[in-house]
Amino acid sequence: MISYKINQPTLFVDADSCPVKQEIIQIANKFLFEVIFVASYSHVSNHTAEERWVYVENEKEAADLFILNHVNKRDIVVTQDIGLASTLLPKEVFVLSPRGSIYNEEDIVTALDMRYLSAKARRQGNFGKGPKPFSKEDRQRFINQLTLLLSNYVRK
């Protein structure tokens, strides 16, 4: 059973391919936030006792479903999954990508449309370059955004 701190949001991480796990740990510890990393059993790794991991089946979307079923209003989720983000926003969950972009209701429809068009093009044999490599700037933008987001909770 998952335990939560009363009146304190929880930070969930869609952890299977998250490139900023160490940054999340450092920032969350600074602000005394509970972090729950959610990953499939195929991504089991060594971690310290201060880290909280939940492992789910290897089925597609299992981590997403766990997060979706356990978040509460005002929780924070780090994910690069636009589909998951689109289901979390109506629940009033703050969603942040590992590249430091904050998902919001205004932009999510456009992101979903672009994802659909890209998938359609791939099915027709048109393959693009793929995502650009994760950069130092992406990492720094994420650090800045997560720090700002958590500091806003501390001030309240």
Protein backbone atom coordinates (compact mmCIF):
# COMPACT_ATOMS: atom_id res chain seq x y z
CA MET A 1 0.00 0.00 0.00
CA ILE A 2 1.23 3.48 -0.86
CA SER A 3 1.43 5.93 2.03
CA TYR A 4 1.29 9.67 1.48
CA LYS A 5 2.15 12.66 3.59
CA ILE A 6 -0.97 14.54 4.63
CA ASN A 7 -1.47 17.77 2.64
CA GLN A 8 1.88 17.35 0.89
CA PRO A 9 1.86 16.54 -2.80
CA THR A 10 3.75 13.50 -4.00
CA LEU A 11 6.15 13.60 -6.91
CA PHE A 12 5.70 10.58 -9.21
CA VAL A 13 8.31 9.73 -11.83
CA ASP A 14 7.61 7.67 -14.94
CA ALA A 15 11.06 6.20 -14.47
CA ASP A 16 11.66 3.62 -17.22
CA SER A 17 13.51 6.03 -19.49
CA CYS A 18 13.82 9.13 -17.34
CA PRO A 19 17.24 10.78 -17.78
CA VAL A 20 16.98 13.09 -14.74
CA LYS A 21 16.48 10.69 -11.82
CA GLN A 22 19.49 11.94 -9.85
CA GLU A 23 18.41 15.54 -10.26
CA ILE A 24 14.92 14.65 -9.03
CA ILE A 25 16.34 12.99 -5.92
CA GLN A 26 18.58 15.96 -5.11
CA ILE A 27 15.88 18.59 -5.60
CA ALA A 28 13.15 16.61 -3.83
CA ASN A 29 15.44 16.01 -0.84
CA LYS A 30 16.17 19.72 -0.65
CA PHE A 31 12.43 20.48 -0.40
CA LEU A 32 11.55 17.36 1.65
CA PHE A 33 9.23 15.97 -1.04
CA GLU A 34 8.25 12.33 -1.26
CA VAL A 35 9.23 10.83 -4.62
CA ILE A 36 7.87 7.59 -6.02
CA PHE A 37 9.70 6.19 -9.02
CA VAL A 38 7.48 3.88 -11.08
CA ALA A 39 9.15 1.44 -13.47
CA SER A 40 8.57 -1.94 -15.04
CA TYR A 41 10.25 -5.04 -13.67
CA SER A 42 12.51 -5.07 -16.75
CA HIS A 43 14.11 -1.85 -15.45
CA VAL A 44 14.92 -2.99 -11.90
CA SER A 45 18.10 -1.29 -10.75
CA ASN A 46 20.09 -0.69 -7.61
CA HIS A 47 19.05 2.34 -5.63
CA THR A 48 19.63 3.81 -2.22
CA ALA A 49 17.36 3.31 0.77
CA GLU A 50 16.18 6.93 0.51
CA GLU A 51 14.65 6.24 -2.90
CA ARG A 52 11.17 4.78 -3.16
CA TRP A 53 10.53 2.54 -6.16
CA VAL A 54 7.37 0.78 -7.27
CA TYR A 55 7.78 -1.91 -9.92
CA VAL A 56 4.94 -2.88 -12.22
CA GLU A 57 4.47 -5.56 -14.86
CA ASN A 58 6.28 -5.23 -18.17
CA GLU A 59 3.04 -4.69 -20.07
CA LYS A 60 2.74 -1.57 -22.18
CA GLU A 61 1.28 1.34 -20.19
CA ALA A 62 1.52 -0.48 -16.81
CA ALA A 63 3.60 2.31 -15.24
CA ASP A 64 1.25 4.93 -16.70
CA LEU A 65 -1.79 3.15 -15.27
CA PHE A 66 -0.18 2.89 -11.84
CA ILE A 67 0.56 6.62 -11.82
CA LEU A 68 -2.89 7.49 -13.15
CA ASN A 69 -4.55 5.40 -10.44
CA HIS A 70 -2.46 6.77 -7.55
CA VAL A 71 -2.09 10.51 -8.20
CA ASN A 72 -4.12 13.09 -6.39
CA LYS A 73 -4.98 16.67 -7.19
CA ARG A 74 -1.87 18.92 -6.96
CA ASP A 75 0.59 15.99 -7.18
CA ILE A 76 3.49 16.35 -9.60
CA VAL A 77 4.41 13.86 -12.32
CA VAL A 78 7.60 13.77 -14.37
CA THR A 79 7.01 11.99 -17.69
CA GLN A 80 7.84 12.33 -21.35
CA ASP A 81 4.63 10.49 -22.27
CA ILE A 82 2.24 13.01 -23.84
CA GLY A 83 -0.67 10.57 -23.61
CA LEU A 84 -0.15 10.15 -19.86
CA ALA A 85 0.19 13.91 -19.46
CA SER A 86 -3.10 14.47 -21.28
CA THR A 87 -4.94 12.17 -18.84
CA LEU A 88 -3.35 13.76 -15.77
CA LEU A 89 -4.06 17.42 -16.55
CA PRO A 90 -7.86 17.16 -16.05
CA LYS A 91 -7.11 15.68 -12.60
CA GLU A 92 -5.30 18.96 -11.75
CA VAL A 93 -1.91 17.26 -11.59
CA PHE A 94 1.21 19.24 -12.51
CA VAL A 95 3.08 17.47 -15.31
CA LEU A 96 6.70 18.20 -16.21
CA SER A 97 8.78 16.62 -18.97
CA PRO A 98 12.40 15.57 -18.33
CA ARG A 99 13.38 18.36 -20.76
CA GLY A 100 11.81 20.94 -18.45
CA SER A 101 8.57 21.63 -20.32
CA ILE A 102 5.46 22.03 -18.22
CA TYR A 103 2.46 20.46 -19.91
CA ASN A 104 -0.75 22.49 -19.81
CA GLU A 105 -4.31 22.17 -21.11
CA GLU A 106 -3.77 24.76 -23.84
CA ASP A 107 -0.82 22.99 -25.49
CA ILE A 108 -1.60 19.31 -24.89
CA VAL A 109 -4.09 19.01 -27.77
CA THR A 110 -1.50 20.30 -30.23
CA ALA A 111 1.10 17.89 -28.82
CA LEU A 112 -1.33 14.97 -29.17
CA ASP A 113 -2.14 16.01 -32.75
CA MET A 114 1.57 16.15 -33.62
CA ARG A 115 2.11 12.72 -32.05
CA TYR A 116 -0.76 11.32 -34.12
CA LEU A 117 0.55 12.83 -37.37
CA SER A 118 4.07 11.50 -36.69
CA ALA A 119 2.71 8.01 -36.01
CA LYS A 120 0.62 8.16 -39.18
CA ALA A 121 3.67 9.19 -41.23
CA ARG A 122 5.72 6.32 -39.73
CA ARG A 123 3.00 3.83 -40.67
CA GLN A 124 3.24 5.13 -44.24
CA GLY A 125 7.01 4.56 -44.23
CA ASN A 126 8.08 8.15 -43.65
CA PHE A 127 10.58 8.13 -40.83
CA GLY A 128 11.87 11.41 -39.45
CA LYS A 129 15.06 12.06 -37.57
CA GLY A 130 13.52 11.19 -34.21
CA PRO A 131 13.87 13.27 -31.08
CA LYS A 132 16.91 15.45 -30.69
CA PRO A 133 19.52 14.20 -28.21
CA PHE A 134 19.04 15.10 -24.56
CA SER A 135 21.29 18.10 -23.89
CA LYS A 136 22.89 19.94 -20.98
CA GLU A 137 20.43 22.76 -21.66
CA ASP A 138 17.51 20.32 -21.35
CA ARG A 139 18.88 19.08 -18.03
CA GLN A 140 19.37 22.63 -16.70
CA ARG A 141 15.87 23.68 -17.83
CA PHE A 142 14.44 20.67 -15.98
CA ILE A 143 16.40 21.51 -12.82
CA ASN A 144 15.19 25.12 -12.94
CA GLN A 145 11.54 24.19 -13.54
CA LEU A 146 11.38 21.46 -10.88
CA THR A 147 13.11 23.72 -8.34
CA LEU A 148 10.64 26.51 -9.07
CA LEU A 149 7.65 24.16 -8.90
CA LEU A 150 8.67 22.64 -5.56
CA SER A 151 9.65 25.99 -4.08
CA ASN A 152 6.13 27.27 -4.83
CA TYR A 153 4.71 24.46 -2.68
CA VAL A 154 7.06 25.26 0.19
CA ARG A 155 5.97 28.92 0.20
CA LYS A 156 2.26 28.06 0.58
